[in-house]
Each structure stands twice: as C-alpha cells, then as structure tokens.
Amino acid sequence: MDDFARSIDVRALSTEQFVRLLETLHMLDTVGAGVSLTSLSTEVLAGIVGRASKEQIRGIAQHPELRAVFLDEIFRRMSEHFLPEKAQHLSIVVGWRFPDGADDFDRFQTVIEAGRCVSSADCARSADTTITVAVEDFIRMATGNAAVATMFVTGKVKVKGEYAPAVRFSSYFDIPKGA
C-alpha cells in the first residue's frame, strides 16, 4: 500500500479527485478488500498530507466519513509516537475539540500518565487542558506539516485551562516526517 500511495501525484488531483480517491480506498477497506488507509506507514501518510494542498486537506475535514477516519487514525497512532522518557513524571488529560461547522465539536481525549499515552473518543476524564483547533490544521500539525508554534501564535489553536502543557504537548512525541 505504501508503494501505491507514494506513486500518487497528489498535486495533479483536484480536491474532488483527491477526496474521491480517499473515499474509494476507505470503501475498499470497509468491504474487506485488503486495501486500507490504516495500513499506510505513518511516514507515507504524513507525506501525502505534506504534498496535498490546503484545499485538499480541507476536503478531508469537510467529509464526514474521511474526517472521522483521519482523526481516529491520528489518535490511534499517537501512542506509537509517544516519547515516554520526555513525560515520565507527567500526569495530564488533554481534551481535543474539533469544530464541525454545525455549532458542535468532534471530541477526543489524550491521557498521559505513568509514562504511557492513551487517546480515545471516550472523554470520560476531566481535562486539565482543552485544545480547540480546526481538523485541517490538526491533520497538518499531527503529520509534521505545520509548525505547532506558528499555529499557537496565529490563534489557530485555542487553549482553555492550563496553557503550558498544551504548548509542550508536541514535545512528548516523535512527530513524523513525510516520505
């Protein structure tokens, strides 16, 4: 799957074509065809996001199914890229809110404690910090395709609660580099 994904010239696709390609791959996954976005290596997934235009990434964010697939996949992979040595003595619950355009939010939670990181859409814990960010900006940040500090400075990332852990959050992870 990685070789196939590397061969796609994302820049040659319109936003609609890009979204349709991802819809097709997702559909093939749901029918058990053995093709899955989740099987892409993190580096290849980050590379696709890096080569995609802002409009193409916005197309993912505005597509209800692909939006959910990408958010779920990023949060699933978060523990794989967690650097426990950077957060050994940290205990924090980060709430995530992603505006959905209908006066509501997609919500996730990341819990870092005892040298472990677990993320989920189950928001059962009380958040120390809540981060609100547009899905397209989050996808770019989480794949190493946007500067986290710039997102904070420009107000694209909003923080409610403890500010310092939100600012330090990305330092607890080995953010992927696109391939």
Protein backbone atom coordinates (compact mmCIF):
# COMPACT_ATOMS: atom_id res chain seq x y z
CA MET A 1 0.00 0.00 0.00
CA ASP A 2 2.88 2.36 0.78
CA ASP A 3 4.33 1.95 -2.72
CA PHE A 4 0.95 2.67 -4.28
CA ALA A 5 0.47 5.78 -2.11
CA ARG A 6 3.97 7.06 -2.92
CA SER A 7 3.22 6.75 -6.64
CA ILE A 8 0.19 9.06 -6.49
CA ASP A 9 0.86 12.60 -7.67
CA VAL A 10 -1.44 14.30 -5.17
CA ARG A 11 -0.70 17.73 -6.64
CA ALA A 12 -2.13 16.64 -10.01
CA LEU A 13 -5.51 15.86 -8.43
CA SER A 14 -8.28 18.36 -7.85
CA THR A 15 -9.74 18.47 -4.35
CA GLU A 16 -12.72 16.45 -5.56
CA GLN A 17 -10.47 13.81 -7.16
CA PHE A 18 -8.31 13.63 -4.03
CA VAL A 19 -11.35 13.15 -1.79
CA ARG A 20 -12.83 10.59 -4.21
CA LEU A 21 -9.57 8.61 -4.17
CA LEU A 22 -9.58 8.54 -0.36
CA GLU A 23 -13.30 7.62 -0.35
CA THR A 24 -12.55 4.71 -2.67
CA LEU A 25 -9.67 3.47 -0.53
CA HIS A 26 -11.84 3.72 2.56
CA MET A 27 -14.70 1.90 0.83
CA LEU A 28 -12.33 -0.89 -0.21
CA ASP A 29 -11.28 -1.17 3.44
CA THR A 30 -14.86 -1.36 4.71
CA VAL A 31 -15.71 -4.23 2.31
CA GLY A 32 -12.60 -6.17 3.33
CA ALA A 33 -10.72 -5.86 0.05
CA GLY A 34 -7.36 -5.77 1.84
CA VAL A 35 -6.73 -2.13 0.97
CA SER A 36 -6.69 0.21 3.92
CA LEU A 37 -5.61 3.73 4.78
CA THR A 38 -4.70 2.36 8.21
CA SER A 39 -2.09 0.11 6.59
CA LEU A 40 -0.10 3.10 5.33
CA SER A 41 3.06 3.77 7.28
CA THR A 42 2.97 6.96 9.30
CA GLU A 43 5.72 8.45 7.14
CA VAL A 44 3.77 7.80 3.92
CA LEU A 45 0.56 9.17 5.42
CA ALA A 46 2.46 12.29 6.55
CA GLY A 47 3.97 12.58 3.07
CA ILE A 48 0.54 12.50 1.43
CA VAL A 49 -0.66 15.25 3.76
CA GLY A 50 2.52 17.23 3.06
CA ARG A 51 2.01 17.05 -0.70
CA ALA A 52 -1.71 17.84 -0.50
CA SER A 53 -2.93 21.39 -0.86
CA LYS A 54 -4.74 23.17 1.95
CA GLU A 55 -7.93 22.81 -0.09
CA GLN A 56 -7.42 19.04 -0.38
CA ILE A 57 -6.91 18.72 3.38
CA ARG A 58 -9.97 20.91 3.93
CA GLY A 59 -11.84 18.47 1.67
CA ILE A 60 -10.97 15.65 4.09
CA ALA A 61 -12.03 17.79 7.06
CA GLN A 62 -15.40 18.59 5.47
CA HIS A 63 -16.15 14.98 4.50
CA PRO A 64 -17.92 13.37 7.49
CA GLU A 65 -16.56 9.86 6.92
CA LEU A 66 -12.99 10.77 5.94
CA ARG A 67 -12.82 13.34 8.74
CA ALA A 68 -13.61 10.58 11.24
CA VAL A 69 -11.17 8.15 9.60
CA PHE A 70 -8.29 10.64 9.73
CA LEU A 71 -8.99 11.77 13.30
CA ASP A 72 -9.32 8.17 14.51
CA GLU A 73 -6.13 7.20 12.71
CA ILE A 74 -4.08 10.09 14.08
CA PHE A 75 -5.23 9.44 17.63
CA ARG A 76 -4.66 5.69 17.22
CA ARG A 77 -1.07 6.30 16.14
CA MET A 78 -0.36 8.86 18.85
CA SER A 79 0.76 6.24 21.39
CA GLU A 80 3.15 4.75 18.79
CA HIS A 81 4.96 8.08 18.52
CA PHE A 82 4.89 8.92 22.22
CA LEU A 83 8.29 9.52 23.86
CA PRO A 84 7.79 8.22 27.42
CA GLU A 85 11.20 9.46 28.56
CA LYS A 86 10.04 13.03 27.84
CA ALA A 87 6.95 12.69 30.02
CA GLN A 88 7.90 10.19 32.74
CA HIS A 89 6.61 12.29 35.61
CA LEU A 90 3.75 13.94 33.77
CA SER A 91 0.10 13.33 34.52
CA ILE A 92 -2.23 15.25 32.24
CA VAL A 93 -5.53 14.89 30.45
CA VAL A 94 -5.82 16.87 27.22
CA GLY A 95 -9.26 17.37 25.74
CA TRP A 96 -9.49 17.98 22.00
CA ARG A 97 -12.33 19.82 20.28
CA PHE A 98 -12.67 19.99 16.52
CA PRO A 99 -15.43 22.33 15.28
CA ASP A 100 -17.70 20.51 12.86
CA GLY A 101 -19.31 23.59 11.31
CA ALA A 102 -22.69 22.89 12.90
CA ASP A 103 -22.13 24.51 16.31
CA ASP A 104 -20.81 21.23 17.67
CA PHE A 105 -17.46 19.51 18.04
CA ASP A 106 -15.80 16.17 17.44
CA ARG A 107 -14.14 15.37 20.76
CA PHE A 108 -11.17 13.24 21.76
CA GLN A 109 -9.06 12.91 24.84
CA THR A 110 -5.39 12.12 25.35
CA VAL A 111 -4.24 10.90 28.75
CA ILE A 112 -0.54 10.92 29.58
CA GLU A 113 0.39 9.35 32.90
CA ALA A 114 2.80 6.79 34.30
CA GLY A 115 4.91 7.04 31.14
CA ARG A 116 2.01 5.99 28.90
CA CYS A 117 -0.15 7.76 26.36
CA VAL A 118 -3.70 6.73 25.51
CA SER A 119 -6.03 8.61 23.18
CA SER A 120 -9.70 7.96 22.61
CA ALA A 121 -13.01 9.46 21.60
CA ASP A 122 -14.18 8.39 25.07
CA CYS A 123 -13.97 11.64 27.03
CA ALA A 124 -14.67 10.20 30.46
CA ARG A 125 -11.95 12.09 32.31
CA SER A 126 -11.90 15.73 33.34
CA ALA A 127 -9.48 17.62 31.07
CA ASP A 128 -6.65 19.71 32.52
CA THR A 129 -6.30 21.45 29.17
CA THR A 130 -8.69 21.63 26.25
CA ILE A 131 -7.36 22.40 22.80
CA THR A 132 -9.68 23.61 20.07
CA VAL A 133 -8.36 23.51 16.51
CA ALA A 134 -9.78 23.06 13.01
CA VAL A 135 -9.48 19.49 11.72
CA GLU A 136 -7.42 20.52 8.69
CA ASP A 137 -4.92 22.37 10.91
CA PHE A 138 -4.73 19.42 13.30
CA ILE A 139 -4.10 16.96 10.47
CA ARG A 140 -1.25 19.13 9.20
CA MET A 141 0.24 19.61 12.69
CA ALA A 142 -0.03 15.95 13.68
CA THR A 143 1.72 14.83 10.49
CA GLY A 144 4.58 17.31 10.86
CA ASN A 145 3.32 19.51 8.02
CA ALA A 146 2.61 22.67 10.03
CA ALA A 147 4.60 24.46 12.70
CA VAL A 148 2.86 23.98 16.03
CA ALA A 149 4.30 27.21 17.46
CA THR A 150 3.01 29.20 14.49
CA MET A 151 -0.46 27.73 14.96
CA PHE A 152 -0.47 28.93 18.59
CA VAL A 153 0.85 32.40 17.74
CA THR A 154 -1.64 32.92 14.91
CA GLY A 155 -4.57 31.85 17.10
CA LYS A 156 -5.41 28.75 15.05
CA VAL A 157 -5.02 26.74 18.24
CA LYS A 158 -7.12 27.85 21.20
CA VAL A 159 -6.43 26.65 24.73
CA LYS A 160 -8.75 26.50 27.69
CA GLY A 161 -7.28 25.51 31.05
CA GLU A 162 -3.59 25.02 31.72
CA TYR A 163 -1.68 26.65 28.88
CA ALA A 164 1.86 25.29 29.49
CA PRO A 165 1.01 21.60 28.94
CA ALA A 166 -0.73 22.48 25.68
CA VAL A 167 2.33 24.35 24.44
CA ARG A 168 4.66 21.50 25.46
CA PHE A 169 2.39 18.72 24.18
CA SER A 170 4.09 18.18 20.81
CA SER A 171 7.49 17.76 22.54
CA TYR A 172 6.24 14.47 24.02
CA PHE A 173 6.01 12.91 20.55
CA ASP A 174 8.24 11.96 17.67
CA ILE A 175 6.29 13.90 15.05
CA PRO A 176 6.53 12.04 11.72
CA LYS A 177 8.40 13.27 8.71
CA GLY A 178 6.72 12.70 5.36
CA ALA A 179 8.07 10.17 2.88
